[in-house]
Amino acid sequence: MRVLDSLERKLGRFAIPNLTIYLIAGQSLFYVMYMTGKLDPSATLLSADRLMAGEWWRIAALPFDPPRQSLLFALFAWYFFYLLGSALEAHWGAFRYNAFLLLGCLITIAASFLVPHLPVGNTFLAGSVFLAFATLFPDYQILLFFVLPVRIKWLAILTWAGYGYLLLFGGWAARVSVLAATGNYLIFFARDIVNSTGYRRRSFLSKAALPRRERDYHHRCTVCGITDRTHPDMDFRYCPQCNGQYGYCREHIFRHEHKK
């Protein structure tokens, strides 16, 4: 992305390295405060109506919205997020990784105004990190339930299927959440998606044209299969005793079994 390259040259020094660690640390702090009752669990949720009411601090709190399940699930989610986020930062560099997460937050905030009453967390935003990792490292293998080895691309396909289901059959709140959460992914991987689609289209057209090229002849020997394209000097004749238009080369016009 040329725009991103230009921004990186100008603003790259402001990138935050190891951003994943800071996000996990912040989420852990909020998680402990929620569990101990020192903070309302909705404090890190964002909605347009609360923003318009003056609670703009929720924008800064959004990235630190922690998992809301059991401690075991939260620990696993943070470990997985660290694994994926660190790999993306190592692959892209700190600036691009920062930009990816920031763009996801901005799109999520903007989309929240479409359904102003909807409280939004960063669950789907974390999903975009997962999809980005699966796109860059599709053959990376994880142990599902710590037992079953699965390549991450298959889990990504299931994730996309789930998002597609929400888009088709979910309410507007779910649709907005999915579109907002995948917006940064679609922007970052737009060129790859276009190139991949073009490649598949060219491949399909070439395969579709192959049989046509193979049939690009006027005469074909029913016995040996040679054509006037493969053997341009060959003479072909059609047998009047065969029931139908059956052509034969010189060698087989008088030595073939008649088709009845």
Protein backbone atom coordinates (compact mmCIF):
# COMPACT_ATOMS: atom_id res chain seq x y z
CA MET A 1 0.00 0.00 0.00
CA ARG A 2 1.68 3.20 -1.19
CA VAL A 3 -0.26 5.40 1.23
CA LEU A 4 0.87 3.26 4.14
CA ASP A 5 4.48 3.33 2.93
CA SER A 6 4.34 7.13 2.81
CA LEU A 7 2.81 7.33 6.28
CA GLU A 8 5.41 4.95 7.65
CA ARG A 9 8.23 7.15 6.37
CA LYS A 10 6.67 10.20 8.03
CA LEU A 11 5.21 8.72 11.22
CA GLY A 12 7.07 5.45 11.70
CA ARG A 13 9.00 6.81 14.67
CA PHE A 14 5.75 7.12 16.62
CA ALA A 15 4.91 3.42 16.32
CA ILE A 16 4.56 1.50 19.58
CA PRO A 17 6.67 -1.69 19.56
CA ASN A 18 5.32 -4.77 21.33
CA LEU A 19 1.84 -3.28 21.27
CA THR A 20 0.27 -6.69 21.86
CA ILE A 21 1.90 -6.94 25.29
CA TYR A 22 0.57 -3.53 26.33
CA LEU A 23 -2.93 -4.40 25.15
CA ILE A 24 -2.91 -7.70 27.05
CA ALA A 25 -1.58 -5.96 30.18
CA GLY A 26 -4.37 -3.38 29.99
CA GLN A 27 -7.03 -6.00 29.39
CA SER A 28 -5.72 -8.04 32.31
CA LEU A 29 -5.97 -5.01 34.59
CA PHE A 30 -9.57 -4.32 33.56
CA TYR A 31 -10.41 -8.01 33.91
CA VAL A 32 -9.16 -8.07 37.51
CA MET A 33 -11.08 -4.87 38.29
CA TYR A 34 -14.25 -6.39 36.85
CA MET A 35 -13.85 -9.63 38.76
CA THR A 36 -13.20 -7.83 42.04
CA GLY A 37 -16.19 -5.54 41.56
CA LYS A 38 -14.11 -2.36 41.47
CA LEU A 39 -15.32 -1.40 38.00
CA ASP A 40 -18.53 -1.80 36.06
CA PRO A 41 -18.14 -4.43 33.29
CA SER A 42 -19.58 -2.01 30.74
CA ALA A 43 -16.78 0.53 31.29
CA THR A 44 -14.75 -0.63 28.28
CA LEU A 45 -17.74 -1.04 25.98
CA LEU A 46 -18.48 1.64 23.42
CA SER A 47 -21.70 2.86 21.90
CA ALA A 48 -22.51 5.92 19.86
CA ASP A 49 -25.20 7.15 22.23
CA ARG A 50 -22.73 7.12 25.15
CA LEU A 51 -20.17 8.97 23.06
CA MET A 52 -22.72 11.60 22.18
CA ALA A 53 -23.53 11.87 25.88
CA GLY A 54 -19.96 13.01 26.46
CA GLU A 55 -18.28 9.74 27.44
CA TRP A 56 -15.49 10.13 24.87
CA TRP A 57 -13.02 8.34 27.13
CA ARG A 58 -14.62 5.10 25.96
CA ILE A 59 -12.70 5.47 22.69
CA ALA A 60 -9.41 5.03 24.56
CA ALA A 61 -10.85 2.20 26.67
CA LEU A 62 -12.09 0.15 23.71
CA PRO A 63 -8.77 -1.62 22.90
CA PHE A 64 -8.53 -2.74 26.53
CA ASP A 65 -11.92 -4.44 26.62
CA PRO A 66 -11.08 -7.88 28.10
CA PRO A 67 -12.63 -11.29 27.42
CA ARG A 68 -15.78 -11.72 29.46
CA GLN A 69 -15.69 -15.48 29.98
CA SER A 70 -13.95 -17.56 32.64
CA LEU A 71 -10.37 -16.93 33.71
CA LEU A 72 -9.21 -20.06 31.87
CA PHE A 73 -10.77 -18.83 28.64
CA ALA A 74 -9.29 -15.34 29.16
CA LEU A 75 -5.79 -16.76 29.68
CA PHE A 76 -6.10 -18.84 26.51
CA ALA A 77 -7.44 -15.83 24.56
CA TRP A 78 -4.53 -13.64 25.69
CA TYR A 79 -1.99 -16.32 24.86
CA PHE A 80 -3.50 -16.76 21.40
CA PHE A 81 -3.67 -12.99 20.85
CA TYR A 82 -0.02 -12.65 21.87
CA LEU A 83 0.99 -15.43 19.47
CA LEU A 84 -0.89 -13.90 16.53
CA GLY A 85 -0.18 -10.26 17.25
CA SER A 86 3.55 -10.77 17.78
CA ALA A 87 3.79 -12.70 14.51
CA LEU A 88 1.99 -9.94 12.61
CA GLU A 89 4.24 -7.26 14.11
CA ALA A 90 7.35 -9.27 13.23
CA HIS A 91 6.07 -9.71 9.66
CA TRP A 92 4.74 -6.19 9.03
CA GLY A 93 6.78 -4.11 11.40
CA ALA A 94 5.50 -2.13 14.38
CA PHE A 95 4.03 0.75 12.35
CA ARG A 96 1.87 -1.39 10.07
CA TYR A 97 0.67 -3.53 12.94
CA ASN A 98 -0.23 -0.40 14.89
CA ALA A 99 -2.02 0.97 11.85
CA PHE A 100 -3.96 -2.27 11.39
CA LEU A 101 -5.31 -2.19 14.95
CA LEU A 102 -5.93 1.57 14.90
CA LEU A 103 -7.84 1.33 11.64
CA GLY A 104 -9.95 -1.48 13.09
CA CYS A 105 -10.80 0.66 16.12
CA LEU A 106 -11.68 3.69 13.99
CA ILE A 107 -13.94 1.68 11.69
CA THR A 108 -15.62 0.07 14.70
CA ILE A 109 -16.24 3.49 16.25
CA ALA A 110 -17.61 4.91 13.00
CA ALA A 111 -19.86 1.88 12.45
CA SER A 112 -21.28 2.17 15.98
CA PHE A 113 -23.15 5.29 14.85
CA LEU A 114 -25.21 3.11 12.50
CA VAL A 115 -26.68 1.34 15.53
CA PRO A 116 -26.22 3.98 18.27
CA HIS A 117 -27.61 1.91 21.14
CA LEU A 118 -25.37 -1.12 20.45
CA PRO A 119 -22.56 -1.69 23.00
CA VAL A 120 -19.43 -2.66 21.08
CA GLY A 121 -16.37 -4.48 22.40
CA ASN A 122 -13.21 -5.61 20.63
CA THR A 123 -14.12 -9.28 20.14
CA PHE A 124 -14.54 -8.91 16.39
CA LEU A 125 -11.46 -6.69 16.24
CA ALA A 126 -9.43 -9.53 17.73
CA GLY A 127 -11.01 -11.72 15.05
CA SER A 128 -9.52 -9.52 12.34
CA VAL A 129 -6.06 -10.16 13.82
CA PHE A 130 -6.77 -13.87 13.58
CA LEU A 131 -7.89 -13.59 9.93
CA ALA A 132 -4.82 -11.54 9.02
CA PHE A 133 -2.52 -14.13 10.59
CA ALA A 134 -4.35 -16.98 8.83
CA THR A 135 -3.98 -15.19 5.49
CA LEU A 136 -0.24 -14.67 5.92
CA PHE A 137 0.51 -18.03 7.54
CA PRO A 138 -2.25 -20.39 6.31
CA ASP A 139 -0.33 -23.57 7.02
CA TYR A 140 0.53 -22.72 10.62
CA GLN A 141 -0.62 -25.61 12.78
CA ILE A 142 -2.23 -25.30 16.19
CA LEU A 143 -3.45 -27.93 18.64
CA LEU A 144 -7.22 -27.60 18.85
CA PHE A 145 -8.30 -28.35 22.43
CA PHE A 146 -4.54 -28.93 23.01
CA VAL A 147 -4.91 -32.31 21.26
CA LEU A 148 -6.06 -32.12 17.62
CA PRO A 149 -3.55 -30.59 15.15
CA VAL A 150 -5.34 -28.27 12.73
CA ARG A 151 -3.98 -25.88 10.12
CA ILE A 152 -5.13 -22.39 10.89
CA LYS A 153 -6.54 -21.79 7.41
CA TRP A 154 -9.38 -24.25 8.12
CA LEU A 155 -10.31 -22.36 11.28
CA ALA A 156 -10.24 -19.14 9.25
CA ILE A 157 -12.67 -20.66 6.74
CA LEU A 158 -15.02 -21.55 9.61
CA THR A 159 -14.67 -18.00 10.93
CA TRP A 160 -15.56 -16.50 7.56
CA ALA A 161 -18.52 -18.89 7.34
CA GLY A 162 -19.70 -17.69 10.75
CA TYR A 163 -19.35 -14.06 9.70
CA GLY A 164 -21.24 -14.81 6.50
CA TYR A 165 -24.05 -16.39 8.49
CA LEU A 166 -24.30 -13.32 10.71
CA LEU A 167 -24.38 -11.06 7.66
CA LEU A 168 -27.18 -13.06 6.06
CA PHE A 169 -29.29 -14.01 9.05
CA GLY A 170 -28.16 -11.84 11.96
CA GLY A 171 -29.71 -8.58 13.02
CA TRP A 172 -28.36 -5.22 11.99
CA ALA A 173 -26.32 -5.03 15.16
CA ALA A 174 -24.46 -8.24 14.25
CA ARG A 175 -24.02 -7.13 10.64
CA VAL A 176 -22.54 -3.81 11.65
CA SER A 177 -20.17 -5.54 14.09
CA VAL A 178 -18.92 -7.96 11.45
CA LEU A 179 -18.46 -5.30 8.77
CA ALA A 180 -16.68 -2.99 11.19
CA ALA A 181 -14.40 -5.72 12.50
CA THR A 182 -13.38 -6.98 9.06
CA GLY A 183 -13.03 -3.55 7.49
CA ASN A 184 -9.36 -3.18 8.41
CA TYR A 185 -8.65 -6.68 7.08
CA LEU A 186 -10.32 -5.92 3.74
CA ILE A 187 -8.41 -2.65 3.39
CA PHE A 188 -5.03 -4.16 4.24
CA PHE A 189 -5.49 -7.20 2.01
CA ALA A 190 -7.42 -5.52 -0.83
CA ARG A 191 -4.55 -5.89 -3.31
CA ASP A 192 -4.02 -9.54 -2.42
CA ILE A 193 -7.74 -10.23 -2.74
CA VAL A 194 -7.90 -8.55 -6.16
CA ASN A 195 -4.77 -10.31 -7.40
CA SER A 196 -5.98 -13.66 -6.11
CA THR A 197 -9.39 -13.19 -7.74
CA GLY A 198 -7.75 -12.20 -11.03
CA TYR A 199 -5.45 -15.22 -10.91
CA ARG A 200 -8.35 -17.59 -10.28
CA ARG A 201 -10.31 -16.01 -13.13
CA ARG A 202 -7.39 -16.34 -15.55
CA SER A 203 -6.84 -19.92 -14.44
CA PHE A 204 -10.51 -20.74 -14.92
CA LEU A 205 -10.58 -19.16 -18.37
CA SER A 206 -7.44 -20.99 -19.46
CA LYS A 207 -8.86 -24.31 -18.29
CA ALA A 208 -12.18 -23.57 -19.95
CA ALA A 209 -10.42 -22.71 -23.20
CA LEU A 210 -8.28 -25.86 -23.18
CA PRO A 211 -10.97 -28.27 -24.46
CA ARG A 212 -11.87 -25.74 -27.13
CA ARG A 213 -8.28 -25.65 -28.35
CA GLU A 214 -8.14 -29.42 -28.33
CA ARG A 215 -11.32 -29.54 -30.47
CA ASP A 216 -10.01 -26.89 -32.86
CA TYR A 217 -9.93 -29.22 -35.87
CA HIS A 218 -12.06 -30.09 -38.90
CA HIS A 219 -11.33 -33.80 -39.30
CA ARG A 220 -10.47 -36.54 -36.83
CA CYS A 221 -9.75 -40.23 -37.26
CA THR A 222 -12.24 -42.29 -35.28
CA VAL A 223 -9.72 -45.13 -34.81
CA CYS A 224 -6.40 -43.51 -33.92
CA GLY A 225 -7.61 -40.04 -32.95
CA ILE A 226 -5.23 -37.96 -35.05
CA THR A 227 -6.64 -34.73 -36.50
CA ASP A 228 -5.90 -32.38 -39.33
CA ARG A 229 -4.44 -30.06 -36.67
CA THR A 230 -1.95 -32.61 -35.32
CA HIS A 231 -1.25 -34.07 -38.79
CA PRO A 232 -1.88 -31.30 -41.33
CA ASP A 233 -0.56 -33.42 -44.27
CA MET A 234 -2.92 -36.31 -43.61
CA ASP A 235 -5.91 -36.99 -45.86
CA PHE A 236 -9.19 -37.79 -44.10
CA ARG A 237 -12.23 -39.55 -45.54
CA TYR A 238 -15.72 -40.31 -44.28
CA CYS A 239 -17.06 -43.83 -44.57
CA PRO A 240 -20.49 -44.04 -46.31
CA GLN A 241 -21.17 -47.43 -44.69
CA CYS A 242 -20.89 -46.10 -41.13
CA ASN A 243 -24.08 -44.87 -39.53
CA GLY A 244 -23.13 -41.23 -38.91
CA GLN A 245 -20.30 -38.85 -39.69
CA TYR A 246 -17.24 -40.94 -38.88
CA GLY A 247 -13.92 -39.78 -40.34
CA TYR A 248 -10.80 -41.87 -40.87
CA CYS A 249 -7.22 -41.28 -41.86
CA ARG A 250 -5.60 -42.96 -44.89
CA GLU A 251 -4.48 -45.93 -42.81
CA HIS A 252 -7.88 -46.68 -41.38
CA ILE A 253 -10.37 -45.67 -44.05
CA PHE A 254 -10.36 -49.24 -45.43
CA ARG A 255 -9.41 -50.97 -42.19
CA HIS A 256 -11.99 -50.18 -39.57
CA GLU A 257 -15.09 -51.66 -38.04
CA HIS A 258 -18.19 -50.01 -39.48
CA LYS A 259 -20.33 -48.10 -37.02
CA LYS A 260 -23.95 -49.26 -37.20
